[in-house]
Amino acid sequence: MSKTINVIISINSDLSLPMRKFICFLVIIAGLSTDAFAQKTIVYPTIGEIHREATFFDKIIPPDAKIEVLASGFQWSEGPVWIKEGAYLVFSDVPQNTIFKWKEGEGISTFMKPSGYTGIAAYSNEPGSNGLTLHPNGQLVMCEHGDRRISILDWNGGKRTLTDNFEGRRFNSPNDAVYNKDGDLYFTDPPYGLPKQQNDPGREMDYAGVFRLSKNGKTTLLTNEMTFPNGIAFSPDEKTLYVAQSDAKAAIWKAFPVLKDGSLGKGKIFYDATASVGKKKGMPDGMKLDKDGNIFATGPGGIIVFSPDGKVLGTISPGENPSNVAWGDDGSVLYFTVDMYLCRIKTSTLGDGW
């Protein structure tokens, strides 16, 4: 006889953070620790709130949608990406120098360690991989803080470097990356992974750049006008490149026109959230777009959903600092990393490219 386990719990935001972590841990373990012959139906614990600013938001996020906690106990989770072949998610824990794997029905396992720093001496507080993306051929590509490079996971095992410098100067700590349809990689390079960040003596660039690695192997500086460039994403037609800036003094998203040669035109402020810094948890960080060009951007207060013209449609607010997002399953499920959590929400839209 098979068993069905249903666990339903909503975590009260008034509880202390350690207590919320403990409850999540107990519930997830309870759901995953049945005997080998059990048929498991897990209803994950839920957290946070969903704030609806426009009626149209109901067509994107269903009125009954919940923020589900799939796993917890991480130090700083980041860079989720869905692997279609195998139907699982991988994401970084930057301080732990580890990439974790999550799969429905199996839970969490270690996918790669070390993930971003292979040295033998102590390095920084954030040595591991950060943003993850997929090469057009499906290989996993990693932004590595400690080794200060963009690397790719080889089909035959091991990793190789795609780029680690510009004009002979090492990068600061590549943070997030996205490919265009032509196979060029666009990425950001703030100093967050350096031991002393922008004041680190080992820093070889006096700016934080947005770069392009062309499919022919050439690395080009696109702009150095942003203080702490972070999340990066294209509009569905690839005519606009969005870049988040994680600067408490200028917490903004910029929109750059993409020129015919792949370079960037003059950027404009897409949205300014500086007034919310310190009042709400989070900073402009990772983002993804849906098929209609709506932007799902982590920032102060949670995952802010913008229309293509910069209007706030609503906010998915988990109650902790969000870092990055990814579309998964059939393209309608939004996975996101939130400080110590891995979460998801089921939507009524589809991610760009699905």
Protein backbone atom coordinates (compact mmCIF):
# COMPACT_ATOMS: atom_id res chain seq x y z
CA MET A 1 0.00 0.00 0.00
CA SER A 2 1.41 3.39 -0.94
CA LYS A 3 1.27 6.47 1.23
CA THR A 4 0.53 10.05 0.24
CA ILE A 5 2.03 12.77 2.38
CA ASN A 6 0.59 16.26 2.24
CA VAL A 7 2.31 19.03 4.17
CA ILE A 8 0.65 22.43 4.19
CA ILE A 9 2.16 25.33 6.08
CA SER A 10 2.32 29.09 5.70
CA ILE A 11 5.22 30.72 7.49
CA ASN A 12 4.24 33.74 9.56
CA SER A 13 6.53 36.65 8.69
CA ASP A 14 6.41 37.77 12.33
CA LEU A 15 8.44 34.75 13.39
CA SER A 16 12.16 35.21 13.91
CA LEU A 17 14.45 34.40 10.97
CA PRO A 18 16.04 31.36 12.70
CA MET A 19 12.59 29.98 13.46
CA ARG A 20 11.45 30.44 9.85
CA LYS A 21 14.57 28.66 8.61
CA PHE A 22 13.99 25.82 11.08
CA ILE A 23 10.35 25.39 10.06
CA CYS A 24 11.28 25.30 6.36
CA PHE A 25 13.97 22.71 7.07
CA LEU A 26 11.60 20.47 9.07
CA VAL A 27 8.82 20.66 6.49
CA ILE A 28 11.04 19.95 3.50
CA ILE A 29 12.78 17.08 5.29
CA ALA A 30 9.42 15.67 6.36
CA GLY A 31 8.23 15.71 2.77
CA LEU A 32 11.37 14.13 1.34
CA SER A 33 12.15 11.53 4.00
CA THR A 34 9.50 8.90 3.36
CA ASP A 35 10.37 5.27 2.71
CA ALA A 36 11.41 4.08 -0.72
CA PHE A 37 7.97 2.62 -1.47
CA ALA A 38 6.02 5.75 -0.61
CA GLN A 39 4.27 7.84 -3.20
CA LYS A 40 5.04 11.42 -2.14
CA THR A 41 2.92 14.47 -2.78
CA ILE A 42 4.67 17.45 -1.29
CA VAL A 43 2.93 20.73 -0.74
CA TYR A 44 5.82 23.05 0.01
CA PRO A 45 5.83 25.69 2.73
CA THR A 46 4.93 29.16 1.54
CA ILE A 47 6.29 32.57 2.45
CA GLY A 48 5.82 36.22 1.62
CA GLU A 49 3.19 38.25 -0.15
CA ILE A 50 2.22 39.28 -3.67
CA HIS A 51 1.49 42.97 -4.21
CA ARG A 52 -0.68 43.83 -7.22
CA GLU A 53 -0.28 47.34 -8.62
CA ALA A 54 -2.17 46.88 -11.89
CA THR A 55 -5.19 44.76 -12.81
CA PHE A 56 -3.22 43.35 -15.74
CA PHE A 57 -0.90 41.68 -13.20
CA ASP A 58 -3.64 39.08 -12.56
CA LYS A 59 -3.10 37.83 -16.12
CA ILE A 60 0.56 37.21 -15.34
CA ILE A 61 0.45 36.00 -11.74
CA PRO A 62 -2.78 34.13 -10.85
CA PRO A 63 -4.75 35.50 -7.87
CA ASP A 64 -4.20 32.24 -5.96
CA ALA A 65 -0.45 32.01 -6.69
CA LYS A 66 1.86 31.21 -3.76
CA ILE A 67 5.58 31.61 -3.16
CA GLU A 68 6.80 28.08 -2.45
CA VAL A 69 10.03 27.33 -0.57
CA LEU A 70 11.70 24.34 -2.24
CA ALA A 71 14.87 24.28 -0.15
CA SER A 72 16.59 26.36 2.53
CA GLY A 73 19.75 26.67 4.58
CA PHE A 74 22.00 28.37 2.01
CA GLN A 75 24.36 31.25 2.73
CA TRP A 76 23.65 33.34 -0.37
CA SER A 77 21.86 31.59 -3.21
CA GLU A 78 22.26 32.99 -6.74
CA GLY A 79 22.17 32.40 -10.47
CA PRO A 80 19.44 29.78 -11.03
CA VAL A 81 19.17 28.15 -14.45
CA TRP A 82 16.86 25.38 -15.65
CA ILE A 83 18.32 22.35 -17.41
CA LYS A 84 15.64 21.06 -19.76
CA GLU A 85 17.41 17.80 -20.48
CA GLY A 86 16.96 16.14 -17.12
CA ALA A 87 14.33 18.61 -15.84
CA TYR A 88 16.28 20.06 -12.95
CA LEU A 89 17.56 23.39 -11.68
CA VAL A 90 21.11 24.36 -10.78
CA PHE A 91 22.08 27.45 -8.79
CA SER A 92 25.07 28.93 -6.98
CA ASP A 93 25.76 29.41 -3.30
CA VAL A 94 28.45 32.05 -3.67
CA PRO A 95 29.99 31.95 -0.15
CA GLN A 96 30.00 28.13 -0.12
CA ASN A 97 31.80 27.99 -3.51
CA THR A 98 29.21 25.45 -4.60
CA ILE A 99 26.65 24.86 -7.33
CA PHE A 100 23.63 22.95 -6.05
CA LYS A 101 21.11 20.91 -8.02
CA TRP A 102 17.41 20.72 -7.25
CA LYS A 103 15.04 18.22 -8.85
CA GLU A 104 11.38 17.62 -8.11
CA GLY A 105 11.01 14.51 -5.97
CA GLU A 106 14.73 14.31 -5.22
CA GLY A 107 15.46 17.63 -3.51
CA ILE A 108 18.91 19.16 -3.14
CA SER A 109 22.28 17.67 -4.04
CA THR A 110 25.74 19.07 -4.72
CA PHE A 111 26.31 19.58 -8.44
CA MET A 112 29.79 21.13 -8.37
CA LYS A 113 32.30 22.12 -5.71
CA PRO A 114 34.43 24.19 -6.04
CA SER A 115 32.34 26.28 -8.40
CA GLY A 116 34.21 29.56 -8.74
CA TYR A 117 37.48 29.46 -6.83
CA THR A 118 40.08 26.73 -7.19
CA GLY A 119 42.92 28.33 -5.21
CA ILE A 120 44.35 26.85 -2.04
CA ALA A 121 44.53 30.00 0.11
CA ALA A 122 41.57 31.74 1.71
CA TYR A 123 40.15 34.29 -0.69
CA SER A 124 37.03 36.42 -0.19
CA ASN A 125 33.65 36.07 1.48
CA GLU A 126 32.11 35.37 -1.93
CA PRO A 127 34.56 33.14 -3.83
CA GLY A 128 32.18 30.89 -5.73
CA SER A 129 30.27 31.09 -8.97
CA ASN A 130 27.53 33.68 -9.20
CA GLY A 131 25.40 33.95 -12.34
CA LEU A 132 24.88 30.83 -14.46
CA THR A 133 23.57 30.59 -18.00
CA LEU A 134 23.50 28.13 -20.87
CA HIS A 135 25.59 28.26 -24.01
CA PRO A 136 23.44 27.96 -27.16
CA ASN A 137 24.58 24.32 -27.42
CA GLY A 138 23.34 23.61 -23.87
CA GLN A 139 26.62 23.66 -21.95
CA LEU A 140 26.60 25.34 -18.54
CA VAL A 141 28.45 28.68 -18.42
CA MET A 142 29.58 30.14 -15.08
CA CYS A 143 30.52 33.59 -13.82
CA GLU A 144 33.34 32.79 -11.39
CA HIS A 145 34.18 35.26 -8.63
CA GLY A 146 37.35 33.76 -7.18
CA ASP A 147 38.99 32.68 -10.44
CA ARG A 148 37.82 35.95 -12.04
CA ARG A 149 36.66 34.44 -15.28
CA ILE A 150 33.82 33.14 -17.41
CA SER A 151 34.07 29.38 -17.75
CA ILE A 152 32.16 26.62 -19.50
CA LEU A 153 31.50 23.06 -18.37
CA ASP A 154 32.95 20.69 -20.94
CA TRP A 155 30.81 17.84 -22.23
CA ASN A 156 33.68 15.44 -21.51
CA GLY A 157 34.25 16.65 -17.96
CA GLY A 158 36.17 19.55 -16.48
CA LYS A 159 35.91 23.24 -17.30
CA ARG A 160 37.67 25.59 -19.65
CA THR A 161 38.04 29.35 -19.62
CA LEU A 162 36.06 31.40 -22.12
CA THR A 163 37.51 34.76 -21.06
CA ASP A 164 39.35 36.06 -17.99
CA ASN A 165 40.71 39.46 -19.03
CA PHE A 166 40.26 42.52 -21.16
CA GLU A 167 43.36 43.93 -22.87
CA GLY A 168 45.58 41.98 -20.49
CA ARG A 169 43.86 43.10 -17.27
CA ARG A 170 42.01 40.53 -15.22
CA PHE A 171 38.32 40.98 -14.59
CA ASN A 172 37.08 42.02 -11.14
CA SER A 173 34.57 39.20 -10.55
CA PRO A 174 32.14 38.38 -13.38
CA ASN A 175 28.61 38.45 -11.98
CA ASP A 176 25.87 37.71 -14.48
CA ALA A 177 25.65 36.82 -18.17
CA VAL A 178 23.26 36.32 -21.07
CA TYR A 179 23.65 35.05 -24.65
CA ASN A 180 22.04 36.67 -27.66
CA LYS A 181 20.66 34.68 -30.57
CA ASP A 182 23.90 35.09 -32.51
CA GLY A 183 25.88 33.31 -29.80
CA ASP A 184 27.59 36.36 -28.28
CA LEU A 185 27.83 36.51 -24.49
CA TYR A 186 27.09 39.77 -22.66
CA PHE A 187 28.20 39.96 -19.02
CA THR A 188 28.75 42.29 -16.07
CA ASP A 189 31.88 42.63 -13.95
CA PRO A 190 31.42 44.38 -10.58
CA PRO A 191 34.00 43.95 -7.78
CA TYR A 192 31.79 42.05 -5.31
CA GLY A 193 33.89 38.89 -5.39
CA LEU A 194 37.21 40.59 -4.63
CA PRO A 195 38.42 40.30 -1.01
CA LYS A 196 38.15 44.07 -0.46
CA GLN A 197 35.75 44.69 -3.34
CA GLN A 198 36.30 48.07 -5.05
CA ASN A 199 39.25 48.84 -2.73
CA ASP A 200 41.05 45.57 -3.32
CA PRO A 201 44.79 45.96 -4.10
CA GLY A 202 44.58 43.08 -6.56
CA ARG A 203 42.07 44.89 -8.71
CA GLU A 204 43.43 45.45 -12.23
CA MET A 205 40.61 47.59 -13.63
CA ASP A 206 39.56 50.90 -12.12
CA TYR A 207 36.00 50.48 -13.38
CA ALA A 208 33.19 47.92 -13.42
CA GLY A 209 32.32 47.10 -16.99
CA VAL A 210 29.68 45.52 -19.15
CA PHE A 211 31.42 43.30 -21.72
CA ARG A 212 30.68 41.20 -24.77
CA LEU A 213 32.44 37.97 -25.61
CA SER A 214 31.83 37.43 -29.32
CA LYS A 215 31.46 33.91 -30.64
CA ASN A 216 34.80 34.44 -32.38
CA GLY A 217 36.45 34.73 -28.94
CA LYS A 218 37.02 38.50 -28.86
CA THR A 219 36.18 40.38 -25.63
CA THR A 220 34.92 43.96 -25.99
CA LEU A 221 34.11 46.61 -23.39
CA LEU A 222 30.60 47.90 -24.08
CA THR A 223 30.29 50.46 -21.27
CA ASN A 224 31.97 51.38 -18.00
CA GLU A 225 29.45 54.05 -17.02
CA MET A 226 27.74 51.95 -14.33
CA THR A 227 29.18 51.80 -10.82
CA PHE A 228 28.08 48.26 -9.89
CA PRO A 229 26.55 46.55 -12.95
CA ASN A 230 24.81 43.36 -11.94
CA GLY A 231 21.84 41.57 -13.55
CA ILE A 232 21.62 41.60 -17.34
CA ALA A 233 18.94 40.56 -19.84
CA PHE A 234 17.74 41.18 -23.41
CA SER A 235 14.29 42.19 -24.57
CA PRO A 236 12.64 39.45 -26.67
CA ASP A 237 13.54 41.24 -29.92
CA GLU A 238 17.11 41.84 -28.61
CA LYS A 239 16.89 45.52 -29.49
CA THR A 240 17.30 46.49 -25.82
CA LEU A 241 19.77 45.33 -23.18
CA TYR A 242 18.69 45.84 -19.56
CA VAL A 243 21.37 46.14 -16.88
CA ALA A 244 20.77 46.42 -13.13
CA GLN A 245 22.99 48.57 -10.93
CA SER A 246 23.41 47.44 -7.30
CA ASP A 247 24.44 50.79 -5.89
CA ALA A 248 22.72 52.04 -2.73
CA LYS A 249 23.26 55.61 -3.94
CA ALA A 250 21.83 54.90 -7.39
CA ALA A 251 19.75 51.71 -7.35
CA ILE A 252 18.66 51.73 -10.97
CA TRP A 253 18.01 49.68 -14.06
CA LYS A 254 19.27 51.04 -17.35
CA ALA A 255 18.04 50.23 -20.85
CA PHE A 256 20.60 50.32 -23.66
CA PRO A 257 19.72 50.21 -27.36
CA VAL A 258 21.60 47.38 -29.06
CA LEU A 259 23.15 48.57 -32.31
CA LYS A 260 23.49 46.48 -35.48
CA ASP A 261 27.11 45.60 -34.72
CA GLY A 262 26.20 44.36 -31.21
CA SER A 263 27.56 47.41 -29.42
CA LEU A 264 25.41 49.61 -27.17
CA GLY A 265 23.94 53.03 -27.76
CA LYS A 266 23.35 55.66 -25.09
CA GLY A 267 21.65 54.14 -22.06
CA LYS A 268 18.60 55.56 -20.32
CA ILE A 269 17.34 54.99 -16.79
CA PHE A 270 14.54 52.46 -17.08
CA TYR A 271 13.55 52.59 -13.40
CA ASP A 272 15.01 54.21 -10.27
CA ALA A 273 14.44 52.41 -6.95
CA THR A 274 16.95 54.42 -4.89
CA ALA A 275 14.24 55.80 -2.61
CA SER A 276 13.37 52.25 -1.52
CA VAL A 277 16.91 51.26 -0.50
CA GLY A 278 17.04 50.71 3.25
CA LYS A 279 13.26 50.69 3.50
CA LYS A 280 12.83 47.41 1.64
CA LYS A 281 15.11 44.40 1.47
CA GLY A 282 17.11 43.89 -1.69
CA MET A 283 18.95 45.75 -4.44
CA PRO A 284 18.68 45.66 -8.25
CA ASP A 285 20.12 42.28 -9.17
CA GLY A 286 19.27 39.42 -11.53
CA MET A 287 16.33 39.48 -13.94
CA LYS A 288 14.57 37.66 -16.76
CA LEU A 289 11.85 38.60 -19.25
CA ASP A 290 8.71 36.86 -20.36
CA LYS A 291 7.57 36.38 -23.95
CA ASP A 292 5.72 39.71 -23.92
CA GLY A 293 8.71 41.72 -22.73
CA ASN A 294 7.64 42.10 -19.11
CA ILE A 295 10.70 42.28 -16.84
CA PHE A 296 10.91 40.14 -13.69
CA ALA A 297 13.67 41.97 -11.81
CA THR A 298 14.94 41.31 -8.30
CA GLY A 299 15.21 44.54 -6.36
CA PRO A 300 14.07 46.39 -3.23
CA GLY A 301 10.98 44.60 -1.92
CA GLY A 302 11.25 41.41 -3.96
CA ILE A 303 10.81 40.53 -7.62
CA ILE A 304 9.42 43.64 -9.27
CA VAL A 305 7.47 43.00 -12.45
CA PHE A 306 7.74 45.84 -14.96
CA SER A 307 5.88 46.32 -18.22
CA PRO A 308 8.12 47.06 -21.22
CA ASP A 309 7.40 50.79 -20.77
CA GLY A 310 8.65 50.78 -17.16
CA LYS A 311 5.35 50.60 -15.29
CA VAL A 312 5.35 48.53 -12.07
CA LEU A 313 2.68 45.84 -12.47
CA GLY A 314 3.28 44.13 -9.15
CA THR A 315 5.86 42.69 -6.79
CA ILE A 316 6.50 39.11 -5.68
CA SER A 317 7.73 39.72 -2.12
CA PRO A 318 9.33 36.72 -0.35
CA GLY A 319 10.31 38.81 2.69
CA GLU A 320 14.06 38.29 2.27
CA ASN A 321 16.69 39.59 -0.16
CA PRO A 322 16.07 38.22 -3.66
CA SER A 323 19.02 37.71 -6.00
CA ASN A 324 18.06 36.14 -9.32
CA VAL A 325 15.34 34.37 -11.28
CA ALA A 326 14.95 31.68 -13.97
CA TRP A 327 12.12 30.18 -15.99
CA GLY A 328 11.67 26.43 -15.69
CA ASP A 329 9.45 23.38 -16.18
CA ASP A 330 7.28 24.21 -19.22
CA GLY A 331 8.43 27.84 -19.16
CA SER A 332 5.58 29.08 -16.96
CA VAL A 333 7.22 28.47 -13.58
CA LEU A 334 9.46 31.19 -12.18
CA TYR A 335 12.25 29.90 -9.93
CA PHE A 336 14.17 32.38 -7.82
CA THR A 337 16.96 32.48 -5.28
CA VAL A 338 16.31 34.44 -2.09
CA ASP A 339 19.17 34.74 0.37
CA MET A 340 18.94 31.39 2.21
CA TYR A 341 16.05 29.99 0.11
CA LEU A 342 15.27 28.47 -3.25
CA CYS A 343 11.70 29.37 -4.23
CA ARG A 344 9.26 29.22 -7.11
CA ILE A 345 5.92 30.63 -8.20
CA LYS A 346 3.58 29.37 -10.90
CA THR A 347 2.64 32.03 -13.45
CA SER A 348 0.21 32.48 -16.34
CA THR A 349 2.87 33.63 -18.76
CA LEU A 350 5.87 32.03 -20.49
CA GLY A 351 9.50 32.97 -20.25
CA ASP A 352 11.18 34.56 -23.25
CA GLY A 353 12.48 31.82 -25.52
CA TRP A 354 10.06 29.10 -24.40
